[in-house]
N, C-alpha and C. Protein backbone atom coordinates (compact mmCIF):
# COMPACT_ATOMS: atom_id res chain seq x y z
N MET A 1 34.54 -20.73 -31.78
CA MET A 1 35.74 -20.01 -31.39
C MET A 1 36.90 -20.99 -31.41
N SER A 2 38.02 -20.55 -31.96
CA SER A 2 39.19 -21.42 -32.08
C SER A 2 40.11 -21.28 -30.87
N PRO A 3 40.91 -22.31 -30.61
CA PRO A 3 41.89 -22.22 -29.52
C PRO A 3 42.86 -21.05 -29.74
N ASP A 4 43.21 -20.79 -30.99
CA ASP A 4 44.12 -19.67 -31.27
C ASP A 4 43.49 -18.33 -30.91
N LYS A 5 42.19 -18.18 -31.17
CA LYS A 5 41.48 -16.94 -30.85
C LYS A 5 41.40 -16.76 -29.33
N ILE A 6 41.16 -17.84 -28.61
CA ILE A 6 41.12 -17.77 -27.15
C ILE A 6 42.48 -17.31 -26.62
N LYS A 7 43.53 -17.92 -27.11
CA LYS A 7 44.88 -17.56 -26.69
C LYS A 7 45.18 -16.09 -27.02
N GLU A 8 44.80 -15.67 -28.21
CA GLU A 8 45.04 -14.30 -28.65
C GLU A 8 44.32 -13.29 -27.75
N LEU A 9 43.06 -13.55 -27.41
CA LEU A 9 42.30 -12.63 -26.55
C LEU A 9 42.91 -12.54 -25.15
N ILE A 10 43.33 -13.67 -24.61
CA ILE A 10 43.93 -13.66 -23.27
C ILE A 10 45.25 -12.89 -23.29
N GLN A 11 46.09 -13.17 -24.27
CA GLN A 11 47.40 -12.52 -24.33
C GLN A 11 47.29 -11.03 -24.64
N ALA A 12 46.22 -10.62 -25.29
CA ALA A 12 46.01 -9.19 -25.54
C ALA A 12 45.63 -8.46 -24.25
N THR A 13 44.95 -9.17 -23.35
CA THR A 13 44.51 -8.57 -22.09
C THR A 13 45.52 -8.74 -20.97
N ILE A 14 46.19 -9.89 -20.96
CA ILE A 14 47.21 -10.19 -19.95
C ILE A 14 48.51 -10.47 -20.72
N PRO A 15 49.23 -9.40 -21.10
CA PRO A 15 50.36 -9.51 -22.04
C PRO A 15 51.45 -10.52 -21.71
N ASP A 16 51.77 -10.73 -20.46
CA ASP A 16 52.88 -11.64 -20.14
C ASP A 16 52.42 -13.08 -19.95
N SER A 17 51.17 -13.38 -20.29
CA SER A 17 50.61 -14.70 -20.00
C SER A 17 51.08 -15.78 -20.97
N GLN A 18 51.13 -16.99 -20.43
CA GLN A 18 51.35 -18.19 -21.22
C GLN A 18 50.04 -18.94 -21.17
N VAL A 19 49.54 -19.39 -22.32
CA VAL A 19 48.22 -20.00 -22.39
C VAL A 19 48.30 -21.37 -23.07
N GLU A 20 47.72 -22.36 -22.42
CA GLU A 20 47.59 -23.70 -22.99
C GLU A 20 46.09 -23.95 -23.15
N THR A 21 45.69 -24.41 -24.33
CA THR A 21 44.27 -24.69 -24.57
C THR A 21 44.07 -26.13 -25.01
N SER A 22 42.89 -26.65 -24.68
CA SER A 22 42.47 -27.95 -25.19
C SER A 22 40.95 -27.90 -25.31
N GLY A 23 40.41 -28.73 -26.18
CA GLY A 23 38.97 -28.75 -26.38
C GLY A 23 38.61 -28.46 -27.81
N ALA A 24 37.31 -28.36 -28.07
CA ALA A 24 36.84 -28.12 -29.43
C ALA A 24 35.46 -27.46 -29.38
N ASP A 25 35.03 -26.99 -30.56
CA ASP A 25 33.73 -26.35 -30.73
C ASP A 25 33.60 -25.16 -29.77
N CYS A 26 32.68 -25.27 -28.82
CA CYS A 26 32.42 -24.15 -27.90
C CYS A 26 32.82 -24.48 -26.47
N ASN A 27 33.52 -25.61 -26.27
CA ASN A 27 33.89 -26.06 -24.93
C ASN A 27 35.40 -26.25 -24.85
N PHE A 28 36.03 -25.43 -24.01
CA PHE A 28 37.49 -25.46 -23.92
C PHE A 28 37.96 -25.51 -22.48
N SER A 29 39.16 -26.04 -22.32
CA SER A 29 39.89 -25.98 -21.05
C SER A 29 41.15 -25.17 -21.32
N ILE A 30 41.46 -24.28 -20.39
CA ILE A 30 42.66 -23.47 -20.55
C ILE A 30 43.45 -23.43 -19.25
N VAL A 31 44.76 -23.28 -19.41
CA VAL A 31 45.65 -23.04 -18.28
C VAL A 31 46.37 -21.74 -18.60
N VAL A 32 46.22 -20.76 -17.72
CA VAL A 32 46.84 -19.45 -17.94
C VAL A 32 47.85 -19.22 -16.82
N THR A 33 49.08 -18.93 -17.22
CA THR A 33 50.16 -18.65 -16.26
C THR A 33 50.61 -17.21 -16.49
N SER A 34 50.64 -16.42 -15.40
CA SER A 34 51.02 -15.02 -15.55
C SER A 34 51.51 -14.44 -14.22
N SER A 35 52.44 -13.52 -14.32
CA SER A 35 52.89 -12.79 -13.12
C SER A 35 51.82 -11.80 -12.67
N GLU A 36 50.86 -11.48 -13.54
CA GLU A 36 49.74 -10.58 -13.18
C GLU A 36 48.88 -11.17 -12.07
N PHE A 37 48.96 -12.48 -11.86
CA PHE A 37 48.17 -13.15 -10.84
C PHE A 37 48.80 -13.06 -9.45
N GLU A 38 50.00 -12.56 -9.38
CA GLU A 38 50.72 -12.43 -8.10
C GLU A 38 49.87 -11.65 -7.10
N GLY A 39 49.67 -12.22 -5.91
CA GLY A 39 48.94 -11.54 -4.84
C GLY A 39 47.43 -11.60 -4.97
N LYS A 40 46.91 -12.26 -6.00
CA LYS A 40 45.47 -12.36 -6.20
C LYS A 40 44.99 -13.75 -5.77
N SER A 41 43.78 -13.78 -5.27
CA SER A 41 43.19 -15.07 -4.87
C SER A 41 42.80 -15.86 -6.13
N PRO A 42 42.62 -17.17 -5.97
CA PRO A 42 42.21 -17.97 -7.14
C PRO A 42 40.94 -17.44 -7.81
N ILE A 43 39.97 -16.98 -7.04
CA ILE A 43 38.73 -16.47 -7.63
C ILE A 43 38.98 -15.17 -8.39
N GLN A 44 39.85 -14.32 -7.88
CA GLN A 44 40.20 -13.08 -8.59
C GLN A 44 40.89 -13.39 -9.92
N ARG A 45 41.78 -14.37 -9.90
CA ARG A 45 42.48 -14.76 -11.13
C ARG A 45 41.49 -15.34 -12.14
N HIS A 46 40.58 -16.18 -11.66
CA HIS A 46 39.57 -16.79 -12.53
C HIS A 46 38.70 -15.70 -13.17
N ARG A 47 38.29 -14.72 -12.38
CA ARG A 47 37.46 -13.63 -12.90
C ARG A 47 38.20 -12.80 -13.94
N MET A 48 39.50 -12.58 -13.72
CA MET A 48 40.30 -11.83 -14.70
C MET A 48 40.22 -12.48 -16.08
N VAL A 49 40.32 -13.80 -16.09
CA VAL A 49 40.29 -14.53 -17.36
C VAL A 49 38.86 -14.63 -17.88
N ASN A 50 37.93 -14.97 -17.03
CA ASN A 50 36.54 -15.16 -17.44
C ASN A 50 35.95 -13.87 -18.03
N ASP A 51 36.30 -12.72 -17.45
CA ASP A 51 35.77 -11.44 -17.92
C ASP A 51 36.19 -11.12 -19.36
N ILE A 52 37.29 -11.69 -19.81
CA ILE A 52 37.76 -11.47 -21.18
C ILE A 52 36.73 -11.99 -22.18
N PHE A 53 35.98 -13.02 -21.80
CA PHE A 53 35.07 -13.70 -22.71
C PHE A 53 33.60 -13.40 -22.45
N LYS A 54 33.32 -12.33 -21.75
CA LYS A 54 31.93 -11.97 -21.41
C LYS A 54 31.05 -11.89 -22.66
N THR A 55 31.51 -11.20 -23.68
CA THR A 55 30.73 -11.05 -24.91
C THR A 55 30.51 -12.39 -25.60
N GLN A 56 31.55 -13.22 -25.65
CA GLN A 56 31.43 -14.51 -26.32
C GLN A 56 30.44 -15.43 -25.60
N PHE A 57 30.37 -15.33 -24.27
CA PHE A 57 29.39 -16.12 -23.53
C PHE A 57 27.98 -15.60 -23.79
N GLU A 58 27.82 -14.28 -23.84
CA GLU A 58 26.51 -13.69 -24.06
C GLU A 58 25.95 -14.01 -25.45
N THR A 59 26.82 -14.06 -26.46
CA THR A 59 26.38 -14.33 -27.82
C THR A 59 26.27 -15.82 -28.13
N GLY A 60 26.80 -16.67 -27.25
CA GLY A 60 26.77 -18.11 -27.48
C GLY A 60 27.94 -18.62 -28.29
N GLU A 61 28.86 -17.72 -28.63
CA GLU A 61 30.05 -18.15 -29.38
C GLU A 61 30.89 -19.12 -28.55
N LEU A 62 30.82 -18.95 -27.24
CA LEU A 62 31.54 -19.81 -26.30
C LEU A 62 30.54 -20.25 -25.24
N HIS A 63 30.46 -21.56 -25.00
CA HIS A 63 29.48 -22.08 -24.04
C HIS A 63 30.10 -22.48 -22.71
N ALA A 64 31.28 -23.08 -22.77
CA ALA A 64 31.91 -23.56 -21.54
C ALA A 64 33.41 -23.33 -21.61
N LEU A 65 33.96 -22.88 -20.51
CA LEU A 65 35.39 -22.62 -20.43
C LEU A 65 35.88 -23.04 -19.05
N SER A 66 36.68 -24.08 -19.02
CA SER A 66 37.29 -24.53 -17.78
C SER A 66 38.61 -23.78 -17.63
N ILE A 67 38.77 -23.05 -16.54
CA ILE A 67 39.93 -22.19 -16.37
C ILE A 67 40.78 -22.65 -15.18
N LYS A 68 42.06 -22.78 -15.42
CA LYS A 68 43.03 -23.01 -14.36
C LYS A 68 44.06 -21.89 -14.47
N THR A 69 44.38 -21.27 -13.36
CA THR A 69 45.36 -20.17 -13.38
C THR A 69 46.54 -20.51 -12.47
N GLU A 70 47.70 -20.04 -12.88
CA GLU A 70 48.92 -20.25 -12.10
C GLU A 70 49.73 -18.97 -12.11
N VAL A 71 50.43 -18.73 -11.01
CA VAL A 71 51.30 -17.56 -10.91
C VAL A 71 52.63 -17.89 -11.54
N LYS A 72 53.13 -17.02 -12.39
CA LYS A 72 54.42 -17.21 -13.06
C LYS A 72 55.54 -16.91 -12.11
């Protein structure tokens, strides 16, 4: 999975998000900033992003994803 594909999937699900990616192969770190995170706990924000990649984790397309979220 490419960093561009990760960014595209996040922005399709969380339209106002800003996404920074780093990493390679199947292991990435991302920082997602969005006003959608307003009023949500860190774990709720993490789940919002993690759930986007449920299929990719199940198929092995993505193995590890370090997620940091910030409120815009």
